[in-house]
Amino acid sequence: MPELPDTMRAVVATAAGGPDVLELREVPRPSPGPGEVLIRVAAAGINPVDLKTRQGAGATRFLGEHPFPWIPGWDLAGTVVEAGWGVARFGVGDRVFGTVGFPHAAGAYAEYAVAHVSQLSRSPANLDDVHTAAMAMGGLTAWQAMADAGGLETNQRVLITAASGGVGHLAVQIAADLGAHVLALCSPDNVDFVRGLGAHEILDRTREDWAAGIDPVDLVLDGHGGPARRAALPLVRPGGTIVTLPSGAENDPAPEGVRDPWVYVAPDGLELQLLTGTVVRGGLRPHVSATFALEDAAQAHELVGGGATRGKVVLTVG
């Protein structure tokens, strides 16, 4: 293994603001501590929380008293190049991926990043680094919302709003793979895409009455909040669950008898292994709508901020 450099290229948010605050800089390379590995990052997934934190909201409060300058990013895929004290799970040369450090600073938009081994999984052998990086936070969010908080079981009916987005397109596949009957809310332009993910029923989100005539469901995974949640609430059977992801929208309370847990994604290498197994079996395939070089991170943020991308946008590093 060649000697590691003392510095690296990284995208730095110099202050809270728009995409223009993102600058490519040369910064010191981190080193792994006990239980950690140093990863040569090959790809970094972009999530909405990256944009919200860059703006001064999102996870900013977890970044310390003086959060900026800050290297964004929590989702990464790459190769272990150094292992810290006590690490036995991974070795130099292993391909790994994960949502690392969230909600604290992790610095995935960089050539190197440090992660605790508990937050990583081996990358699927049948998936490249770009698509692997697109799976971590979205896949964990979908799994933790539906399986952990929602208790999703085979043959249950699950409604997924925002079904073509970064979390939604993975949630449709995960729910279908678990044997659920999947109802997916999306725009007409995304019908074929979402049907190809395994959805059994497609609902047109451009119709105000999209929820009319729908039989009760056991679980709703709502990525919109606001009007979408309001329309979905009456569809949840007594004893069922609605999970609404953080969006900043004003949300109506759930009716009595409907569970309404609040879910924030948590890094979890073991659950990533479950997703990896699903990929290997052919039940899950992340969709990447666009890739950008590290130096074009501002353009990537502009695209994601438009809110119309299918699947994920990923930064390629190297």
Protein backbone atom coordinates (compact mmCIF):
# COMPACT_ATOMS: atom_id res chain seq x y z
CA MET A 1 0.00 0.00 0.00
CA PRO A 2 1.52 3.38 -1.02
CA GLU A 3 2.24 5.87 1.72
CA LEU A 4 -0.83 7.95 2.52
CA PRO A 5 -0.73 11.71 1.86
CA ASP A 6 -0.93 14.18 4.73
CA THR A 7 -3.58 16.25 2.93
CA MET A 8 -6.61 15.57 0.76
CA ARG A 9 -9.16 17.30 -1.42
CA ALA A 10 -12.49 17.95 0.25
CA VAL A 11 -15.62 19.99 -0.37
CA VAL A 12 -16.00 22.59 2.38
CA ALA A 13 -19.12 24.57 3.23
CA THR A 14 -17.51 27.83 4.26
CA ALA A 15 -20.66 29.23 5.90
CA ALA A 16 -24.39 28.59 6.04
CA GLY A 17 -25.95 29.45 2.70
CA GLY A 18 -26.68 28.37 -0.84
CA PRO A 19 -24.71 25.99 -3.05
CA ASP A 20 -22.17 28.73 -3.75
CA VAL A 21 -20.71 28.31 -0.23
CA LEU A 22 -19.29 24.92 -1.27
CA GLU A 23 -15.59 25.13 -2.15
CA LEU A 24 -13.05 22.47 -3.07
CA ARG A 25 -10.08 22.83 -0.73
CA GLU A 26 -6.93 21.03 0.35
CA VAL A 27 -7.33 20.01 4.00
CA PRO A 28 -5.51 17.71 6.47
CA ARG A 29 -6.28 14.02 6.05
CA PRO A 30 -7.95 12.41 9.10
CA SER A 31 -6.55 9.39 10.92
CA PRO A 32 -8.55 6.51 12.42
CA GLY A 33 -8.89 6.09 16.17
CA PRO A 34 -9.71 2.94 18.15
CA GLY A 35 -12.45 0.93 16.47
CA GLU A 36 -12.25 3.07 13.33
CA VAL A 37 -10.98 2.66 9.79
CA LEU A 38 -9.72 5.16 7.26
CA ILE A 39 -11.59 4.88 3.95
CA ARG A 40 -10.41 6.01 0.55
CA VAL A 41 -13.73 7.39 -0.64
CA ALA A 42 -14.80 6.38 -4.13
CA ALA A 43 -18.30 7.85 -4.07
CA ALA A 44 -20.44 9.93 -1.72
CA GLY A 45 -24.22 9.96 -1.80
CA ILE A 46 -26.08 13.27 -1.53
CA ASN A 47 -29.11 13.43 0.77
CA PRO A 48 -31.63 16.22 1.46
CA VAL A 49 -30.23 16.61 4.98
CA ASP A 50 -26.89 17.60 3.40
CA LEU A 51 -28.60 20.57 1.77
CA LYS A 52 -30.58 21.51 4.88
CA THR A 53 -27.44 21.44 7.02
CA ARG A 54 -25.53 23.49 4.46
CA GLN A 55 -28.31 26.08 4.78
CA GLY A 56 -27.89 26.20 8.57
CA ALA A 57 -30.77 23.88 9.49
CA GLY A 58 -30.89 20.06 9.32
CA ALA A 59 -28.16 18.58 11.55
CA THR A 60 -26.37 21.88 12.13
CA ARG A 61 -27.06 21.78 15.87
CA PHE A 62 -25.04 18.56 16.14
CA LEU A 63 -21.93 20.04 14.50
CA GLY A 64 -20.72 21.96 17.53
CA GLU A 65 -20.73 25.57 18.71
CA HIS A 66 -19.09 26.78 15.49
CA PRO A 67 -20.39 24.43 12.77
CA PHE A 68 -18.77 26.10 9.77
CA PRO A 69 -16.50 25.54 7.92
CA TRP A 70 -17.87 22.00 7.54
CA ILE A 71 -17.17 19.11 5.18
CA PRO A 72 -20.62 17.78 4.20
CA GLY A 73 -21.70 14.23 3.61
CA TRP A 74 -22.61 11.10 5.56
CA ASP A 75 -23.04 8.44 2.85
CA LEU A 76 -19.92 6.90 1.35
CA ALA A 77 -18.51 3.87 -0.39
CA GLY A 78 -14.83 3.11 -0.81
CA THR A 79 -11.89 1.01 0.31
CA VAL A 80 -10.27 0.61 3.72
CA VAL A 81 -6.68 1.90 3.62
CA GLU A 82 -5.86 1.94 7.35
CA ALA A 83 -7.33 0.29 10.44
CA GLY A 84 -7.25 1.75 13.93
CA TRP A 85 -6.51 0.00 17.20
CA GLY A 86 -8.72 -3.01 17.94
CA VAL A 87 -10.27 -3.34 14.47
CA ALA A 88 -10.83 -6.93 13.37
CA ARG A 89 -14.00 -6.71 11.30
CA PHE A 90 -12.38 -5.07 8.26
CA GLY A 91 -8.88 -5.04 6.82
CA VAL A 92 -6.92 -2.95 4.36
CA GLY A 93 -8.30 -3.46 0.86
CA ASP A 94 -11.88 -4.27 1.91
CA ARG A 95 -14.66 -2.48 0.04
CA VAL A 96 -17.08 -0.93 2.54
CA PHE A 97 -19.99 1.50 2.65
CA GLY A 98 -22.19 3.17 5.20
CA THR A 99 -23.94 6.14 6.67
CA VAL A 100 -21.19 7.29 9.02
CA GLY A 101 -21.21 9.59 12.01
CA PHE A 102 -24.72 10.94 11.49
CA PRO A 103 -25.82 13.42 12.76
CA HIS A 104 -22.33 14.56 13.75
CA ALA A 105 -19.79 15.69 11.17
CA ALA A 106 -18.42 12.83 9.06
CA GLY A 107 -16.91 14.55 6.01
CA ALA A 108 -17.89 12.13 3.25
CA TYR A 109 -17.39 14.73 0.48
CA ALA A 110 -13.65 14.10 0.54
CA GLU A 111 -10.92 11.79 -0.70
CA TYR A 112 -10.61 10.17 2.74
CA ALA A 113 -12.98 9.75 5.67
CA VAL A 114 -12.92 7.98 9.02
CA ALA A 115 -15.74 5.71 10.19
CA HIS A 116 -16.42 3.43 13.15
CA VAL A 117 -16.66 -0.20 12.07
CA SER A 118 -20.10 -0.56 13.69
CA GLN A 119 -21.50 1.80 11.08
CA LEU A 120 -20.13 -0.01 8.04
CA SER A 121 -20.91 -3.05 5.93
CA ARG A 122 -18.95 -4.81 3.24
CA SER A 123 -20.04 -3.54 -0.15
CA PRO A 124 -22.08 -5.92 -2.33
CA ALA A 125 -19.81 -7.69 -4.81
CA ASN A 126 -22.39 -7.19 -7.57
CA LEU A 127 -22.72 -3.42 -7.11
CA ASP A 128 -20.24 -0.68 -8.02
CA ASP A 129 -19.21 2.02 -5.56
CA VAL A 130 -21.45 4.70 -7.10
CA HIS A 131 -24.64 2.66 -6.68
CA THR A 132 -23.51 1.37 -3.29
CA ALA A 133 -23.03 4.92 -2.00
CA ALA A 134 -26.58 5.68 -3.14
CA MET A 135 -28.04 3.02 -0.88
CA ALA A 136 -26.88 3.77 2.65
CA MET A 137 -28.97 6.53 4.26
CA GLY A 138 -31.99 6.02 2.01
CA GLY A 139 -31.97 2.28 2.58
CA LEU A 140 -31.50 2.59 6.32
CA THR A 141 -34.27 5.18 6.53
CA ALA A 142 -36.67 2.94 4.62
CA TRP A 143 -35.77 -0.14 6.67
CA GLN A 144 -35.90 1.60 10.05
CA ALA A 145 -39.20 3.31 9.21
CA MET A 146 -40.98 0.26 7.81
CA ALA A 147 -39.42 -2.76 9.53
CA ASP A 148 -38.20 -1.33 12.86
CA ALA A 149 -40.80 1.36 13.61
CA GLY A 150 -43.62 0.10 11.40
CA GLY A 151 -43.31 -3.63 12.06
CA LEU A 152 -43.96 -4.43 8.41
CA GLU A 153 -44.93 -8.06 7.77
CA THR A 154 -45.53 -10.24 4.73
CA ASN A 155 -48.90 -9.68 3.02
CA GLN A 156 -49.52 -6.35 4.72
CA ARG A 157 -50.58 -3.37 2.64
CA VAL A 158 -48.07 -0.51 2.66
CA LEU A 159 -48.48 2.90 1.05
CA ILE A 160 -45.30 4.75 0.10
CA THR A 161 -45.51 8.41 -0.87
CA ALA A 162 -42.60 10.10 -2.69
CA ALA A 163 -42.12 6.66 -4.22
CA SER A 164 -39.61 7.72 -6.88
CA GLY A 165 -37.29 9.65 -4.53
CA GLY A 166 -34.10 8.72 -2.74
CA VAL A 167 -35.82 6.93 0.16
CA GLY A 168 -39.05 6.04 -1.62
CA HIS A 169 -37.58 4.12 -4.55
CA LEU A 170 -35.64 1.93 -2.11
CA ALA A 171 -38.65 1.57 0.20
CA VAL A 172 -40.80 0.23 -2.65
CA GLN A 173 -38.22 -2.46 -3.41
CA ILE A 174 -37.64 -3.37 0.24
CA ALA A 175 -41.36 -3.66 0.99
CA ALA A 176 -41.99 -5.74 -2.12
CA ASP A 177 -39.04 -8.00 -1.25
CA LEU A 178 -40.52 -8.54 2.22
CA GLY A 179 -43.74 -9.74 0.62
CA ALA A 180 -45.91 -6.67 1.20
CA HIS A 181 -48.58 -5.37 -1.18
CA VAL A 182 -47.13 -2.01 -2.19
CA LEU A 183 -49.14 1.07 -3.13
CA ALA A 184 -46.93 3.83 -4.51
CA LEU A 185 -47.74 7.54 -4.88
CA CYS A 186 -45.85 9.29 -7.66
CA SER A 187 -46.22 11.67 -10.59
CA PRO A 188 -47.40 10.39 -14.00
CA ASP A 189 -43.86 10.78 -15.38
CA ASN A 190 -42.61 8.20 -12.88
CA VAL A 191 -45.30 5.54 -13.25
CA ASP A 192 -43.22 3.14 -15.36
CA PHE A 193 -40.16 3.68 -13.17
CA VAL A 194 -42.03 2.96 -9.94
CA ARG A 195 -43.91 -0.01 -11.39
CA GLY A 196 -40.55 -1.44 -12.42
CA LEU A 197 -39.44 -1.24 -8.78
CA GLY A 198 -42.15 -3.71 -7.79
CA ALA A 199 -45.12 -1.54 -6.82
CA HIS A 200 -48.46 -3.34 -7.14
CA GLU A 201 -50.68 -0.26 -7.32
CA ILE A 202 -49.73 3.21 -8.63
CA LEU A 203 -51.48 6.34 -7.34
CA ASP A 204 -51.31 9.68 -9.19
CA ARG A 205 -50.10 12.37 -6.81
CA THR A 206 -51.25 15.13 -9.19
CA ARG A 207 -54.88 14.21 -8.44
CA GLU A 208 -56.36 15.92 -5.40
CA ASP A 209 -58.50 12.84 -4.74
CA TRP A 210 -55.69 10.30 -5.18
CA ALA A 211 -56.70 8.56 -1.93
CA ALA A 212 -60.35 8.09 -2.91
CA GLY A 213 -61.54 4.48 -3.04
CA ILE A 214 -58.34 2.99 -1.62
CA ASP A 215 -58.79 0.04 0.73
CA PRO A 216 -57.26 0.45 4.20
CA VAL A 217 -53.52 -0.01 4.59
CA ASP A 218 -51.44 -1.35 7.47
CA LEU A 219 -48.54 1.06 7.09
CA VAL A 220 -47.80 4.38 5.43
CA LEU A 221 -44.28 5.62 4.78
CA ASP A 222 -44.79 9.29 4.02
CA GLY A 223 -41.89 11.28 2.66
CA HIS A 224 -43.84 14.50 2.06
CA GLY A 225 -45.77 15.50 5.16
CA GLY A 226 -48.43 18.21 4.91
CA PRO A 227 -51.18 17.50 2.36
CA ALA A 228 -49.87 14.04 1.45
CA ARG A 229 -49.94 12.93 5.08
CA ARG A 230 -53.37 14.51 5.56
CA ALA A 231 -54.78 12.50 2.66
CA ALA A 232 -53.11 9.29 3.80
CA LEU A 233 -54.22 9.37 7.45
CA PRO A 234 -57.79 8.11 6.84
CA LEU A 235 -56.39 5.15 4.90
CA VAL A 236 -54.56 3.68 7.90
CA ARG A 237 -56.55 0.91 9.56
CA PRO A 238 -56.99 0.98 13.37
CA GLY A 239 -53.86 -0.49 14.88
CA GLY A 240 -51.82 0.49 11.82
CA THR A 241 -48.89 2.87 11.57
CA ILE A 242 -47.95 6.02 9.70
CA VAL A 243 -44.31 7.09 9.63
CA THR A 244 -43.70 10.58 8.28
CA LEU A 245 -40.10 11.48 7.55
CA PRO A 246 -38.81 14.89 8.72
CA SER A 247 -39.72 17.46 6.07
CA GLY A 248 -40.50 20.71 7.88
CA ALA A 249 -44.16 20.53 6.84
CA GLU A 250 -47.05 21.16 9.22
CA ASN A 251 -48.50 17.74 10.01
CA ASP A 252 -51.95 16.80 11.21
CA PRO A 253 -52.02 14.44 14.21
CA ALA A 254 -52.80 10.79 13.62
CA PRO A 255 -56.25 9.57 14.66
CA GLU A 256 -56.69 7.56 17.84
CA GLY A 257 -55.59 3.97 17.40
CA VAL A 258 -52.99 4.76 14.70
CA ARG A 259 -49.35 4.62 15.69
CA ASP A 260 -47.31 7.65 14.62
CA PRO A 261 -43.63 7.13 15.56
CA TRP A 262 -41.05 9.81 14.86
CA VAL A 263 -38.08 8.32 13.00
CA TYR A 264 -34.60 9.75 12.53
CA VAL A 265 -32.17 7.53 10.66
CA ALA A 266 -29.41 5.98 12.77
CA PRO A 267 -26.15 4.52 11.38
CA ASP A 268 -26.25 0.74 11.70
CA GLY A 269 -23.79 -1.59 10.02
CA LEU A 270 -25.81 -4.72 10.84
CA GLU A 271 -28.91 -3.39 9.11
CA LEU A 272 -26.76 -2.39 6.15
CA GLN A 273 -25.74 -6.05 5.96
CA LEU A 274 -29.43 -6.96 5.59
CA LEU A 275 -29.71 -4.52 2.69
CA THR A 276 -26.51 -5.90 1.19
CA GLY A 277 -28.01 -9.38 1.27
CA THR A 278 -31.09 -8.11 -0.53
CA VAL A 279 -28.87 -6.58 -3.23
CA VAL A 280 -26.96 -9.83 -3.68
CA ARG A 281 -30.25 -11.74 -4.03
CA GLY A 282 -31.44 -9.29 -6.67
CA GLY A 283 -34.22 -7.75 -4.59
CA LEU A 284 -32.77 -4.25 -4.36
CA ARG A 285 -31.06 -1.98 -6.87
CA PRO A 286 -30.37 1.68 -6.04
CA HIS A 287 -31.10 4.07 -8.90
CA VAL A 288 -28.61 6.87 -9.60
CA SER A 289 -30.04 9.65 -11.73
CA ALA A 290 -26.80 11.68 -12.01
CA THR A 291 -23.18 11.73 -10.91
CA PHE A 292 -20.92 14.73 -10.39
CA ALA A 293 -17.21 15.11 -9.75
CA LEU A 294 -16.17 16.32 -6.30
CA GLU A 295 -15.40 19.80 -7.62
CA ASP A 296 -18.95 20.07 -8.99
CA ALA A 297 -20.68 19.53 -5.63
CA ALA A 298 -22.48 22.88 -5.87
CA GLN A 299 -24.12 21.82 -9.14
CA ALA A 300 -25.12 18.52 -7.55
CA HIS A 301 -26.76 20.37 -4.65
CA GLU A 302 -28.65 22.58 -7.08
CA LEU A 303 -30.03 19.51 -8.85
CA VAL A 304 -31.07 17.76 -5.64
CA GLY A 305 -32.57 21.00 -4.34
CA GLY A 306 -34.90 21.07 -7.34
CA GLY A 307 -36.74 18.12 -5.81
CA ALA A 308 -37.49 16.28 -9.06
CA THR A 309 -34.70 13.69 -9.25
CA ARG A 310 -35.39 9.98 -9.45
CA GLY A 311 -33.45 7.97 -6.92
CA LYS A 312 -30.16 9.49 -5.86
CA VAL A 313 -27.42 11.89 -6.97
CA VAL A 314 -23.85 10.82 -6.19
CA LEU A 315 -20.45 12.51 -6.09
CA THR A 316 -17.58 10.54 -7.59
CA VAL A 317 -14.21 10.96 -5.92
CA GLY A 318 -10.80 10.37 -7.44
